[in-house]
């Protein structure tokens, strides 16, 4: 594995975490009327950022960069998942575990 791949993964993860924290702080202020507390889907936000960050880095105009970054921020803010308390299910092990496997979910 190349060192450049490791650095780029760390950079995208840190940038995604910063955006998620800002968006969740804003979300906490807005979302008081929902049944469950909401959080931002981290997997989808990293996927959005990974695909669109290259356009921001290649853009030379600062206003267009800000506009693209704001669009990414809005896209990430829309991917919400509820936090449901007491959601712990018994894990099936053995022969039945692989019968209806759901290991190939959409990550992005």
C-alpha atoms as a PDB file:
ATOM      1  CA  UNK A   1       0.000   0.000   0.000  1.00  0.00           C
ATOM      2  CA  UNK A   2       1.281   3.427  -0.835  1.00  0.00           C
ATOM      3  CA  UNK A   3       1.843   6.029   1.817  1.00  0.00           C
ATOM      4  CA  UNK A   4      -0.078   8.499  -0.337  1.00  0.00           C
ATOM      5  CA  UNK A   5      -3.217   6.321  -0.081  1.00  0.00           C
ATOM      6  CA  UNK A   6      -2.954   6.282   3.695  1.00  0.00           C
ATOM      7  CA  UNK A   7      -2.561  10.048   3.876  1.00  0.00           C
ATOM      8  CA  UNK A   8      -5.486  10.656   1.525  1.00  0.00           C
ATOM      9  CA  UNK A   9      -7.720   8.325   3.551  1.00  0.00           C
ATOM     10  CA  UNK A  10      -6.812  10.103   6.770  1.00  0.00           C
ATOM     11  CA  UNK A  11      -7.396  13.499   5.153  1.00  0.00           C
ATOM     12  CA  UNK A  12     -10.841  12.565   3.825  1.00  0.00           C
ATOM     13  CA  UNK A  13     -11.839  10.961   7.127  1.00  0.00           C
ATOM     14  CA  UNK A  14     -10.836  14.031   9.113  1.00  0.00           C
ATOM     15  CA  UNK A  15     -12.536  16.397   6.695  1.00  0.00           C
ATOM     16  CA  UNK A  16     -15.717  14.306   6.725  1.00  0.00           C
ATOM     17  CA  UNK A  17     -15.698  14.227  10.528  1.00  0.00           C
ATOM     18  CA  UNK A  18     -15.356  18.029  10.691  1.00  0.00           C
ATOM     19  CA  UNK A  19     -18.261  18.504   8.290  1.00  0.00           C
ATOM     20  CA  UNK A  20     -20.385  15.945  10.158  1.00  0.00           C
ATOM     21  CA  UNK A  21     -19.749  17.619  13.524  1.00  0.00           C
ATOM     22  CA  UNK A  22     -20.722  21.032  12.159  1.00  0.00           C
ATOM     23  CA  UNK A  23     -23.831  19.624  10.499  1.00  0.00           C
ATOM     24  CA  UNK A  24     -24.860  17.680  13.626  1.00  0.00           C
ATOM     25  CA  UNK A  25     -24.476  20.788  15.784  1.00  0.00           C
ATOM     26  CA  UNK A  26     -26.767  22.617  13.381  1.00  0.00           C
ATOM     27  CA  UNK A  27     -29.086  19.611  13.294  1.00  0.00           C
ATOM     28  CA  UNK A  28     -29.457  19.557  17.078  1.00  0.00           C
ATOM     29  CA  UNK A  29     -30.702  23.124  17.000  1.00  0.00           C
ATOM     30  CA  UNK A  30     -33.252  22.448  14.234  1.00  0.00           C
ATOM     31  CA  UNK A  31     -34.588  18.982  15.022  1.00  0.00           C
ATOM     32  CA  UNK A  32     -36.498  19.159  18.278  1.00  0.00           C
ATOM     33  CA  UNK A  33     -39.856  17.944  16.981  1.00  0.00           C
ATOM     34  CA  UNK A  34     -38.848  14.471  15.764  1.00  0.00           C
ATOM     35  CA  UNK A  35     -39.647  11.271  17.586  1.00  0.00           C
ATOM     36  CA  UNK A  36     -36.050   9.995  17.542  1.00  0.00           C
ATOM     37  CA  UNK A  37     -32.791  11.836  17.712  1.00  0.00           C
ATOM     38  CA  UNK A  38     -31.124  11.944  14.302  1.00  0.00           C
ATOM     39  CA  UNK A  39     -27.514  11.617  13.252  1.00  0.00           C
ATOM     40  CA  UNK A  40     -25.729  11.917   9.922  1.00  0.00           C
ATOM     41  CA  UNK A  41     -24.851   8.738   8.038  1.00  0.00           C
ATOM     42  CA  UNK A  42     -21.050   8.639   8.135  1.00  0.00           C
ATOM     43  CA  UNK A  43     -20.592   6.091   5.340  1.00  0.00           C
ATOM     44  CA  UNK A  44     -22.623   8.073   2.838  1.00  0.00           C
ATOM     45  CA  UNK A  45     -20.975  11.331   3.847  1.00  0.00           C
ATOM     46  CA  UNK A  46     -17.499   9.910   3.220  1.00  0.00           C
ATOM     47  CA  UNK A  47     -18.707   8.618  -0.148  1.00  0.00           C
ATOM     48  CA  UNK A  48     -20.098  12.024  -1.113  1.00  0.00           C
ATOM     49  CA  UNK A  49     -16.940  13.763  -0.005  1.00  0.00           C
ATOM     50  CA  UNK A  50     -14.679  11.250  -1.736  1.00  0.00           C
ATOM     51  CA  UNK A  51     -16.432  11.749  -5.066  1.00  0.00           C
ATOM     52  CA  UNK A  52     -16.790  15.534  -4.968  1.00  0.00           C
ATOM     53  CA  UNK A  53     -13.645  16.706  -3.177  1.00  0.00           C
ATOM     54  CA  UNK A  54     -11.543  16.452  -6.336  1.00  0.00           C
ATOM     55  CA  UNK A  55     -13.718  19.095  -8.034  1.00  0.00           C
ATOM     56  CA  UNK A  56     -13.099  21.517  -5.184  1.00  0.00           C
ATOM     57  CA  UNK A  57      -9.361  20.926  -5.261  1.00  0.00           C
ATOM     58  CA  UNK A  58      -9.149  21.419  -9.039  1.00  0.00           C
ATOM     59  CA  UNK A  59     -11.256  24.589  -9.040  1.00  0.00           C
ATOM     60  CA  UNK A  60      -9.221  27.804  -9.211  1.00  0.00           C
ATOM     61  CA  UNK A  61     -11.970  30.327  -8.437  1.00  0.00           C
ATOM     62  CA  UNK A  62     -12.477  30.741  -4.673  1.00  0.00           C
ATOM     63  CA  UNK A  63     -16.170  31.606  -4.995  1.00  0.00           C
ATOM     64  CA  UNK A  64     -16.853  28.442  -6.992  1.00  0.00           C
ATOM     65  CA  UNK A  65     -14.905  26.428  -4.404  1.00  0.00           C
ATOM     66  CA  UNK A  66     -17.064  27.856  -1.628  1.00  0.00           C
ATOM     67  CA  UNK A  67     -20.201  27.104  -3.615  1.00  0.00           C
ATOM     68  CA  UNK A  68     -19.122  23.496  -4.263  1.00  0.00           C
ATOM     69  CA  UNK A  69     -18.165  23.015  -0.617  1.00  0.00           C
ATOM     70  CA  UNK A  70     -21.534  24.399   0.498  1.00  0.00           C
ATOM     71  CA  UNK A  71     -23.267  21.950  -1.866  1.00  0.00           C
ATOM     72  CA  UNK A  72     -21.317  19.047  -0.341  1.00  0.00           C
ATOM     73  CA  UNK A  73     -22.237  20.297   3.133  1.00  0.00           C
ATOM     74  CA  UNK A  74     -25.930  20.395   2.210  1.00  0.00           C
ATOM     75  CA  UNK A  75     -25.796  16.918   0.632  1.00  0.00           C
ATOM     76  CA  UNK A  76     -24.164  15.475   3.734  1.00  0.00           C
ATOM     77  CA  UNK A  77     -26.669  17.225   6.010  1.00  0.00           C
ATOM     78  CA  UNK A  78     -29.581  15.562   4.193  1.00  0.00           C
ATOM     79  CA  UNK A  79     -28.414  11.982   4.882  1.00  0.00           C
ATOM     80  CA  UNK A  80     -29.945  11.412   8.290  1.00  0.00           C
ATOM     81  CA  UNK A  81     -30.536   8.185  10.165  1.00  0.00           C
ATOM     82  CA  UNK A  82     -32.523   7.885  13.411  1.00  0.00           C
ATOM     83  CA  UNK A  83     -30.935   6.792  16.660  1.00  0.00           C
ATOM     84  CA  UNK A  84     -33.406   4.308  18.073  1.00  0.00           C
ATOM     85  CA  UNK A  85     -32.855   3.332  21.713  1.00  0.00           C
ATOM     86  CA  UNK A  86     -32.792  -0.324  22.787  1.00  0.00           C
ATOM     87  CA  UNK A  87     -32.121  -1.702  19.306  1.00  0.00           C
ATOM     88  CA  UNK A  88     -30.031  -4.743  20.098  1.00  0.00           C
ATOM     89  CA  UNK A  89     -30.952  -7.956  18.350  1.00  0.00           C
ATOM     90  CA  UNK A  90     -29.745 -11.462  18.976  1.00  0.00           C
ATOM     91  CA  UNK A  91     -27.154 -12.555  16.423  1.00  0.00           C
ATOM     92  CA  UNK A  92     -27.930 -15.783  14.592  1.00  0.00           C
ATOM     93  CA  UNK A  93     -24.922 -18.019  14.374  1.00  0.00           C
ATOM     94  CA  UNK A  94     -24.406 -21.279  12.623  1.00  0.00           C
ATOM     95  CA  UNK A  95     -26.172 -22.614   9.568  1.00  0.00           C
ATOM     96  CA  UNK A  96     -28.937 -20.002   9.384  1.00  0.00           C
ATOM     97  CA  UNK A  97     -26.573 -17.037   9.581  1.00  0.00           C
ATOM     98  CA  UNK A  98     -25.616 -17.077   5.887  1.00  0.00           C
ATOM     99  CA  UNK A  99     -28.997 -18.068   4.469  1.00  0.00           C
ATOM    100  CA  UNK A 100     -30.311 -14.528   3.918  1.00  0.00           C
ATOM    101  CA  UNK A 101     -27.046 -12.656   4.118  1.00  0.00           C
ATOM    102  CA  UNK A 102     -27.080  -8.893   3.793  1.00  0.00           C
ATOM    103  CA  UNK A 103     -23.369  -8.246   3.461  1.00  0.00           C
ATOM    104  CA  UNK A 104     -23.536  -6.342   0.180  1.00  0.00           C
ATOM    105  CA  UNK A 105     -25.325  -3.171   1.215  1.00  0.00           C
ATOM    106  CA  UNK A 106     -24.963   0.036  -0.736  1.00  0.00           C
ATOM    107  CA  UNK A 107     -22.186   2.066   0.845  1.00  0.00           C
ATOM    108  CA  UNK A 108     -22.529   5.003  -1.491  1.00  0.00           C
END
